[in-house]
Every structure is written in C-alpha cells, then in structure tokens.
Amino acid sequence: MEPPLILDVSDPKWVLFGNVIKIFETRKARKIISRCGIKPLGKAVQILKIVLLSMFYHRC
C-alpha cells in the first residue's frame, strides 16, 4: 500500500502541479476541449485533472 498524497504548499511538486492545473481553468483550454467534441465540459476538466494528478505522482 502506498502512502497517501498530502498537500504541502511549500513542496515544489505541488506548486508545479497547481500551475499546470490552472491552465485547464482558462477559457482557451476549455474551448479546445469543447472543440474536441466532449459534451459535459465541467466533467471532462475534472477527469483531466485526476488523470494528470495520477500521472504526475505515478499512481494508477
């Protein structure tokens, strides 16, 4: 069993991840996602965030 992810705002990995996540909140990113044909836009952004978090910390 792996240890849980603990939010530490001073950790550089969390800072970098926070900056990456902010990109998906921009209007331009949402337009690109909706152009791909994904209908529930809010849900798609949440799924992308979860996938990125798991990829960022090598969790499956």
N, C-alpha and C. Protein backbone atom coordinates (compact mmCIF):
# COMPACT_ATOMS: atom_id res chain seq x y z
N MET A 1 0.84 -1.17 0.00
CA MET A 1 0.00 0.00 0.00
C MET A 1 0.89 1.24 0.00
N GLU A 2 0.55 2.19 -0.85
CA GLU A 2 1.34 3.40 -0.96
C GLU A 2 0.83 4.46 0.02
N PRO A 3 1.71 5.34 0.47
CA PRO A 3 1.27 6.40 1.38
C PRO A 3 0.36 7.39 0.64
N PRO A 4 -0.54 8.04 1.36
CA PRO A 4 -1.46 8.98 0.72
C PRO A 4 -0.73 10.25 0.27
N LEU A 5 -1.32 10.94 -0.68
CA LEU A 5 -0.78 12.23 -1.11
C LEU A 5 -1.20 13.29 -0.11
N ILE A 6 -0.24 13.99 0.45
CA ILE A 6 -0.51 15.02 1.44
C ILE A 6 -0.14 16.36 0.83
N LEU A 7 -1.10 17.27 0.84
CA LEU A 7 -0.89 18.59 0.26
C LEU A 7 0.07 19.40 1.12
N ASP A 8 1.16 19.83 0.51
CA ASP A 8 2.12 20.70 1.17
C ASP A 8 2.42 21.84 0.21
N VAL A 9 1.91 23.03 0.52
CA VAL A 9 2.03 24.15 -0.42
C VAL A 9 3.47 24.60 -0.64
N SER A 10 4.38 24.19 0.23
CA SER A 10 5.77 24.58 0.04
C SER A 10 6.55 23.57 -0.81
N ASP A 11 5.95 22.41 -1.07
CA ASP A 11 6.59 21.39 -1.88
C ASP A 11 6.60 21.84 -3.34
N PRO A 12 7.77 21.86 -3.99
CA PRO A 12 7.83 22.33 -5.38
C PRO A 12 7.00 21.51 -6.36
N LYS A 13 6.82 20.23 -6.07
CA LYS A 13 6.00 19.40 -6.95
C LYS A 13 4.54 19.83 -6.92
N TRP A 14 4.03 20.18 -5.73
CA TRP A 14 2.65 20.65 -5.63
C TRP A 14 2.49 22.01 -6.28
N VAL A 15 3.50 22.86 -6.16
CA VAL A 15 3.43 24.19 -6.79
C VAL A 15 3.37 24.04 -8.31
N LEU A 16 4.22 23.19 -8.85
CA LEU A 16 4.22 22.94 -10.29
C LEU A 16 2.89 22.35 -10.74
N PHE A 17 2.39 21.38 -9.99
CA PHE A 17 1.11 20.77 -10.35
C PHE A 17 -0.02 21.80 -10.29
N GLY A 18 -0.01 22.66 -9.32
CA GLY A 18 -1.02 23.72 -9.22
C GLY A 18 -0.99 24.65 -10.42
N ASN A 19 0.21 24.97 -10.90
CA ASN A 19 0.33 25.82 -12.08
C ASN A 19 -0.19 25.12 -13.33
N VAL A 20 0.05 23.83 -13.43
CA VAL A 20 -0.43 23.07 -14.58
C VAL A 20 -1.96 22.99 -14.55
N ILE A 21 -2.52 22.78 -13.38
CA ILE A 21 -3.98 22.68 -13.24
C ILE A 21 -4.66 24.01 -13.59
N LYS A 22 -4.03 25.12 -13.27
CA LYS A 22 -4.62 26.42 -13.58
C LYS A 22 -4.81 26.61 -15.08
N ILE A 23 -3.99 25.96 -15.88
CA ILE A 23 -4.12 26.07 -17.33
C ILE A 23 -5.46 25.52 -17.80
N PHE A 24 -5.93 24.44 -17.18
CA PHE A 24 -7.19 23.84 -17.58
C PHE A 24 -8.40 24.68 -17.18
N GLU A 25 -8.22 25.65 -16.32
CA GLU A 25 -9.32 26.52 -15.92
C GLU A 25 -9.47 27.72 -16.85
N THR A 26 -8.54 27.92 -17.76
CA THR A 26 -8.61 29.07 -18.65
C THR A 26 -9.67 28.85 -19.72
N ARG A 27 -10.15 29.94 -20.25
CA ARG A 27 -11.18 29.88 -21.27
C ARG A 27 -10.66 29.23 -22.56
N LYS A 28 -9.42 29.54 -22.89
CA LYS A 28 -8.83 28.99 -24.10
C LYS A 28 -8.75 27.46 -24.04
N ALA A 29 -8.35 26.93 -22.89
CA ALA A 29 -8.26 25.47 -22.73
C ALA A 29 -9.64 24.84 -22.81
N ARG A 30 -10.64 25.48 -22.22
CA ARG A 30 -12.00 24.95 -22.27
C ARG A 30 -12.54 24.95 -23.71
N LYS A 31 -12.17 25.96 -24.48
CA LYS A 31 -12.59 25.99 -25.88
C LYS A 31 -11.98 24.83 -26.66
N ILE A 32 -10.71 24.55 -26.40
CA ILE A 32 -10.03 23.46 -27.09
C ILE A 32 -10.69 22.13 -26.73
N ILE A 33 -11.01 21.95 -25.45
CA ILE A 33 -11.64 20.71 -25.01
C ILE A 33 -13.02 20.55 -25.65
N SER A 34 -13.79 21.63 -25.70
CA SER A 34 -15.13 21.53 -26.28
C SER A 34 -15.06 21.34 -27.79
N ARG A 35 -14.03 21.84 -28.45
CA ARG A 35 -13.86 21.65 -29.88
C ARG A 35 -13.60 20.18 -30.22
N CYS A 36 -13.08 19.43 -29.27
CA CYS A 36 -12.81 18.00 -29.49
C CYS A 36 -14.09 17.17 -29.43
N GLY A 37 -15.20 17.78 -29.06
CA GLY A 37 -16.47 17.08 -29.06
C GLY A 37 -16.87 16.50 -27.72
N ILE A 38 -16.19 16.86 -26.67
CA ILE A 38 -16.53 16.36 -25.34
C ILE A 38 -17.67 17.22 -24.80
N LYS A 39 -18.82 16.60 -24.54
CA LYS A 39 -20.02 17.36 -24.19
C LYS A 39 -20.06 17.89 -22.76
N PRO A 40 -19.99 17.06 -21.72
CA PRO A 40 -20.03 17.66 -20.38
C PRO A 40 -18.66 18.26 -20.04
N LEU A 41 -18.50 19.53 -20.34
CA LEU A 41 -17.20 20.19 -20.24
C LEU A 41 -16.66 20.19 -18.82
N GLY A 42 -17.50 20.48 -17.84
CA GLY A 42 -17.04 20.50 -16.45
C GLY A 42 -16.53 19.16 -15.98
N LYS A 43 -17.22 18.11 -16.39
CA LYS A 43 -16.81 16.76 -16.00
C LYS A 43 -15.51 16.38 -16.70
N ALA A 44 -15.35 16.80 -17.95
CA ALA A 44 -14.13 16.49 -18.69
C ALA A 44 -12.92 17.15 -18.05
N VAL A 45 -13.07 18.37 -17.58
CA VAL A 45 -11.96 19.07 -16.92
C VAL A 45 -11.60 18.37 -15.62
N GLN A 46 -12.59 17.93 -14.86
CA GLN A 46 -12.32 17.21 -13.62
C GLN A 46 -11.60 15.90 -13.89
N ILE A 47 -12.02 15.18 -14.92
CA ILE A 47 -11.36 13.92 -15.27
C ILE A 47 -9.92 14.16 -15.68
N LEU A 48 -9.69 15.20 -16.46
CA LEU A 48 -8.32 15.52 -16.88
C LEU A 48 -7.44 15.85 -15.68
N LYS A 49 -7.98 16.55 -14.71
CA LYS A 49 -7.21 16.88 -13.51
C LYS A 49 -6.82 15.62 -12.74
N ILE A 50 -7.77 14.69 -12.62
CA ILE A 50 -7.48 13.44 -11.89
C ILE A 50 -6.44 12.62 -12.63
N VAL A 51 -6.57 12.54 -13.94
CA VAL A 51 -5.60 11.78 -14.74
C VAL A 51 -4.23 12.41 -14.64
N LEU A 52 -4.15 13.72 -14.72
CA LEU A 52 -2.86 14.40 -14.60
C LEU A 52 -2.24 14.20 -13.22
N LEU A 53 -3.06 14.23 -12.18
CA LEU A 53 -2.54 14.00 -10.84
C LEU A 53 -1.96 12.60 -10.69
N SER A 54 -2.66 11.62 -11.23
CA SER A 54 -2.15 10.25 -11.14
C SER A 54 -0.89 10.08 -11.98
N MET A 55 -0.83 10.72 -13.13
CA MET A 55 0.38 10.64 -13.94
C MET A 55 1.55 11.39 -13.30
N PHE A 56 1.24 12.51 -12.67
CA PHE A 56 2.27 13.35 -12.07
C PHE A 56 2.96 12.64 -10.91
N TYR A 57 2.18 11.87 -10.14
CA TYR A 57 2.73 11.16 -9.00
C TYR A 57 2.87 9.66 -9.23
N HIS A 58 2.75 9.21 -10.47
CA HIS A 58 2.92 7.80 -10.86
C HIS A 58 2.00 6.89 -10.06
N ARG A 59 0.75 7.28 -9.94
CA ARG A 59 -0.26 6.46 -9.25
C ARG A 59 -1.22 5.90 -10.28
N CYS A 60 -1.69 4.70 -10.08
CA CYS A 60 -2.66 4.10 -11.01
C CYS A 60 -3.92 3.72 -10.30
